[in-house]
Protein backbone atom coordinates (compact mmCIF):
# COMPACT_ATOMS: atom_id res chain seq x y z
CA MET A 1 -0.24 -0.05 -0.16
CA ILE A 2 1.46 3.28 -1.04
CA MET A 3 0.91 6.19 1.44
CA SER A 4 1.77 9.84 1.06
CA GLU A 5 4.34 11.17 3.89
CA ASN A 6 2.26 14.44 3.14
CA LYS A 7 -0.97 13.24 4.86
CA PRO A 8 -1.42 13.57 8.62
CA LEU A 9 -0.37 10.92 11.02
CA LEU A 10 -2.82 10.66 13.68
CA LEU A 11 -3.30 8.75 16.75
CA LEU A 12 -6.76 7.40 17.52
CA ILE A 13 -8.19 6.21 20.64
CA GLU A 14 -11.62 4.22 21.15
CA SER A 15 -13.09 3.50 24.36
CA ALA A 16 -16.87 4.31 24.13
CA THR A 17 -17.77 0.54 24.62
CA ASP A 18 -16.69 -2.49 26.64
CA CYS A 19 -13.89 -3.01 24.04
CA CYS A 20 -11.06 -0.45 23.81
CA SER A 21 -8.42 0.17 20.81
CA VAL A 22 -5.48 2.17 19.59
CA ALA A 23 -4.73 2.88 15.96
CA LEU A 24 -2.26 4.96 13.87
CA CYS A 25 -3.33 6.08 10.56
CA ARG A 26 -1.86 8.39 8.14
CA GLY A 27 -4.68 10.00 5.94
CA ASN A 28 -7.42 7.34 5.40
CA ASP A 29 -4.92 4.48 5.72
CA THR A 30 -4.59 2.53 8.94
CA LEU A 31 -0.84 1.82 9.78
CA ASP A 32 -1.23 -0.42 12.80
CA GLU A 33 -3.82 -1.18 15.57
CA ILE A 34 -3.98 -2.63 19.00
CA PHE A 35 -7.72 -4.05 20.06
CA GLU A 36 -8.51 -5.55 23.54
CA ASP A 37 -11.98 -7.11 24.40
CA ARG A 38 -11.55 -6.86 28.12
CA PRO A 39 -14.74 -5.26 29.55
CA ARG A 40 -14.15 -2.29 32.11
CA THR A 41 -10.48 -2.25 31.98
CA GLN A 42 -9.99 0.90 29.69
CA ALA A 43 -8.28 2.75 32.54
CA ALA A 44 -5.64 -0.11 33.10
CA LEU A 45 -5.28 -0.84 29.45
CA LEU A 46 -5.34 2.24 27.31
CA ALA A 47 -2.27 4.20 28.28
CA PRO A 48 0.01 1.00 28.02
CA MET A 49 -1.86 0.11 24.59
CA VAL A 50 -0.57 3.66 23.19
CA GLU A 51 2.84 3.05 24.42
CA GLN A 52 3.16 -0.13 22.85
CA LEU A 53 1.61 0.85 19.62
CA LEU A 54 4.03 3.87 19.38
CA VAL A 55 7.12 1.99 20.33
CA ARG A 56 6.55 -0.92 17.73
CA ASN A 57 6.22 1.55 15.19
CA SER A 58 9.26 3.44 16.17
CA LEU A 59 7.34 6.55 16.74
CA SER A 60 6.68 8.87 19.41
CA LEU A 61 3.75 11.09 20.02
CA LYS A 62 5.89 14.16 18.76
CA ASP A 63 5.75 12.33 15.40
CA CYS A 64 1.64 12.55 15.32
CA ASP A 65 0.10 15.53 13.79
CA ALA A 66 -3.04 15.07 16.29
CA VAL A 67 -4.76 12.83 18.39
CA ALA A 68 -8.47 11.75 17.82
CA ILE A 69 -11.01 10.45 20.39
CA SER A 70 -14.27 8.60 19.93
CA GLU A 71 -16.44 11.39 21.50
CA GLY A 72 -19.73 9.14 22.35
CA PRO A 73 -22.61 8.30 22.78
CA GLY A 74 -21.29 5.18 24.74
CA SER A 75 -20.12 4.08 28.14
CA TYR A 76 -19.95 6.99 30.47
CA THR A 77 -16.84 5.58 32.22
CA GLY A 78 -15.14 4.61 28.99
CA LEU A 79 -15.57 7.95 27.47
CA ARG A 80 -14.21 9.81 30.37
CA VAL A 81 -11.20 7.45 30.45
CA GLY A 82 -10.51 7.58 26.84
CA LEU A 83 -10.82 11.74 26.76
CA SER A 84 -8.94 12.09 30.02
CA LEU A 85 -5.82 10.33 28.15
CA ALA A 86 -6.27 11.84 24.99
CA LYS A 87 -6.31 15.37 26.75
CA GLY A 88 -3.33 14.58 28.62
CA LEU A 89 -1.48 13.52 25.65
CA CYS A 90 -2.43 16.57 23.43
CA TYR A 91 -1.49 18.94 26.48
CA GLY A 92 1.59 17.36 27.12
CA ALA A 93 2.94 17.20 23.42
CA GLY A 94 1.11 20.28 22.05
CA LYS A 95 -1.10 18.41 19.69
CA PRO A 96 -4.47 19.40 18.44
CA LEU A 97 -7.59 17.25 19.66
CA ILE A 98 -9.98 15.79 17.21
CA ALA A 99 -13.24 14.19 18.32
CA VAL A 100 -15.25 11.71 16.04
CA ASN A 101 -18.74 10.49 16.66
CA THR A 102 -18.76 6.90 17.89
CA LEU A 103 -21.76 5.80 15.41
CA ALA A 104 -20.05 6.97 12.84
CA ALA A 105 -17.00 5.18 13.52
CA MET A 106 -19.27 1.98 14.11
CA ALA A 107 -20.61 2.66 10.64
CA GLN A 108 -17.13 2.72 9.36
CA CYS A 109 -16.16 -0.49 10.82
CA ALA A 110 -19.09 -2.19 9.56
CA ALA A 111 -18.32 -0.95 5.82
CA ASP A 112 -14.55 -2.18 6.43
CA THR A 113 -15.80 -5.70 7.25
CA LEU A 114 -17.76 -5.92 3.73
CA GLU A 115 -16.21 -6.72 0.47
CA ALA A 116 -16.02 -3.45 -1.96
CA GLY A 117 -19.03 -2.75 -3.46
CA SER A 118 -21.18 -4.52 -1.17
CA MET A 119 -23.02 -1.41 -0.07
CA ASN A 120 -24.70 0.40 -3.03
CA ASP A 121 -25.20 4.21 -3.08
CA ALA A 122 -28.83 3.93 -2.20
CA ALA A 123 -28.13 1.79 0.99
CA VAL A 124 -28.27 3.24 4.53
CA VAL A 125 -26.23 2.19 7.46
CA ILE A 126 -27.56 2.07 10.94
CA PRO A 127 -25.32 1.52 13.91
CA MET A 128 -26.79 0.81 17.34
CA ILE A 129 -25.43 0.93 20.76
CA ASP A 130 -27.41 -1.01 23.39
CA ALA A 131 -28.98 1.34 26.13
CA ARG A 132 -31.63 -0.31 28.24
CA ARG A 133 -34.68 -2.38 27.62
CA MET A 134 -35.81 -1.31 23.94
CA GLU A 135 -33.62 1.74 23.95
CA VAL A 136 -30.66 2.18 21.55
CA TYR A 137 -28.21 5.11 20.56
CA SER A 138 -28.47 5.19 16.76
CA ALA A 139 -27.90 7.46 13.77
CA VAL A 140 -28.35 6.82 10.14
CA PHE A 141 -25.50 7.12 7.46
CA THR A 142 -24.89 6.72 4.00
CA PRO A 143 -22.11 4.36 2.79
CA ASP A 144 -19.62 7.11 2.31
CA GLY A 145 -20.46 8.51 5.97
CA ARG A 146 -22.92 11.30 5.42
CA THR A 147 -25.28 11.67 8.15
CA LEU A 148 -28.84 11.07 7.26
CA ALA A 149 -30.44 11.19 10.83
CA ALA A 150 -28.74 12.61 13.58
CA THR A 151 -27.68 10.70 16.77
CA GLU A 152 -30.52 9.83 19.22
CA ALA A 153 -31.95 7.74 21.93
CA LYS A 154 -34.69 5.76 20.42
CA VAL A 155 -36.76 3.28 21.72
CA LEU A 156 -37.37 0.56 19.15
CA ASP A 157 -40.88 -0.57 17.95
CA SER A 158 -42.30 -2.01 14.85
CA SER A 159 -42.32 1.17 13.18
CA SER A 160 -38.76 2.07 13.52
CA TYR A 161 -36.66 2.93 10.57
CA GLN A 162 -39.78 2.21 8.27
CA GLU A 163 -38.81 5.10 6.03
CA TYR A 164 -35.62 3.30 4.99
CA MET A 165 -37.17 -0.19 4.67
CA ASN A 166 -37.39 0.18 0.85
CA LYS A 167 -33.64 0.46 0.42
CA SER A 168 -30.84 -1.95 1.14
CA ILE A 169 -30.32 -1.38 4.94
CA PHE A 170 -27.22 -2.64 6.98
CA PHE A 171 -27.48 -2.72 10.76
CA THR A 172 -24.64 -3.08 13.25
CA GLY A 173 -23.66 -2.68 16.89
CA ASP A 174 -24.61 -4.64 20.09
CA GLY A 175 -28.14 -2.68 20.16
CA SER A 176 -29.07 -4.24 16.72
CA GLU A 177 -29.60 -7.55 18.07
CA LYS A 178 -32.80 -6.46 19.68
CA PHE A 179 -34.38 -4.90 16.42
CA ARG A 180 -33.06 -8.28 14.75
CA LYS A 181 -35.21 -10.13 17.09
CA LEU A 182 -38.30 -7.80 16.95
CA LEU A 183 -38.10 -7.93 12.95
CA GLU A 184 -38.04 -11.84 13.23
CA ASP A 185 -41.04 -11.98 15.63
CA GLU A 186 -42.92 -9.83 13.14
CA GLY A 187 -41.80 -11.66 9.90
CA ARG A 188 -40.30 -8.49 8.34
CA LEU A 189 -36.76 -9.81 7.77
CA ASP A 190 -35.78 -10.02 4.01
CA GLU A 191 -32.77 -9.98 1.89
CA ARG A 192 -32.38 -6.17 1.83
CA ILE A 193 -31.95 -6.03 5.50
CA VAL A 194 -28.41 -7.02 6.61
CA PHE A 195 -26.92 -7.35 10.19
CA ILE A 196 -23.08 -7.13 10.25
CA ASP A 197 -21.29 -8.46 13.28
CA ALA A 198 -18.62 -5.84 13.29
CA ARG A 199 -16.52 -4.92 16.44
CA LEU A 200 -15.91 -1.01 16.98
CA LYS A 201 -12.35 -0.34 16.78
CA ALA A 202 -10.24 2.90 16.45
CA SER A 203 -9.33 2.32 12.75
CA GLY A 204 -13.12 3.15 11.99
CA MET A 205 -12.57 6.76 13.18
CA ARG A 206 -9.70 7.29 10.48
CA ILE A 207 -11.53 8.89 7.64
CA ALA A 208 -13.80 11.20 9.70
CA ALA A 209 -10.68 12.12 11.87
CA SER A 210 -8.37 12.89 8.57
CA LYS A 211 -11.25 15.04 7.30
CA ALA A 212 -11.56 16.89 10.76
CA TYR A 213 -7.62 17.45 10.63
CA ALA A 214 -8.16 18.80 7.02
CA GLU A 215 -10.74 21.31 7.98
CA SER A 216 -8.76 22.44 11.38
CA ASP A 217 -11.83 20.98 13.19
CA PHE A 218 -10.13 20.78 16.35
CA LYS A 219 -11.41 20.74 20.06
CA ASP A 220 -10.86 22.80 23.14
CA VAL A 221 -8.26 20.45 25.36
CA ALA A 222 -9.27 22.15 28.39
CA TYR A 223 -13.00 22.42 27.88
CA PHE A 224 -14.27 19.79 25.67
CA GLU A 225 -16.61 17.07 27.05
CA PRO A 226 -17.72 13.61 25.77
CA PHE A 227 -21.22 13.30 23.90
CA TYR A 228 -23.00 11.50 26.42
CA LEU A 229 -26.30 12.13 24.72
CA LYS A 230 -28.01 11.36 28.33
CA ASP A 231 -27.27 12.34 31.69
CA PHE A 232 -25.11 9.81 33.60
CA VAL A 233 -27.57 8.06 36.24
CA ALA A 234 -25.76 5.85 38.96
CA GLY A 235 -27.26 2.95 40.37
CA LYS A 236 -28.64 2.81 43.76
CA PRO A 237 -26.64 0.88 46.33
CA LYS A 238 -28.20 -2.27 47.57
CA LYS A 239 -29.39 -2.21 51.23
CA LEU A 240 -27.34 -4.61 53.48
CA LEU A 241 -29.36 -7.17 55.19
């Protein structure tokens, strides 16, 4: 693969779900990636993963042009951990901070798992993050990443996404299994509806992050906050017997 040295070298950090990963990209091309699927261990894993990634590529943070973070929606704790690390790296090295919508990264990961041309131009991609009960965090994208419907907390029912059901439609993410079962129970599954088992990885941020860098769309390192979508609600402690 031929990569232009004139394209930005970006460090990508993803920690919005139970999995976490870090990647290096130059422009739209992934150079290297480390992925871990160990739930609730982002705080212990992320910083060593960044160090390992840079060392094995004979790079330092000074060689990177920017740091990109998955901004949410997603796990409250995971988002806080990832952003805290990214802010520390940016502040210490004087690098700009880029934020990428987590659902957009999920949509790109889904596209990355398919053969070229599997999604036609009329298709839509709908990533879903499981919330609670029948609720998901979702958005709707075109195959090239353009947003058709903004990120929202959506309660799934029989009429959900009906306006897209005349197209090829690709669902992905841990929240999509609830919708698959709903469609199966109603006998509404057909060959136009595809469910993609694609893990969310930092490399899914590369195209949006590179675009943001080209447009100088940087976040304030001191004041930027994750996109939680909904306020964090702590669980009530159980009463002692």
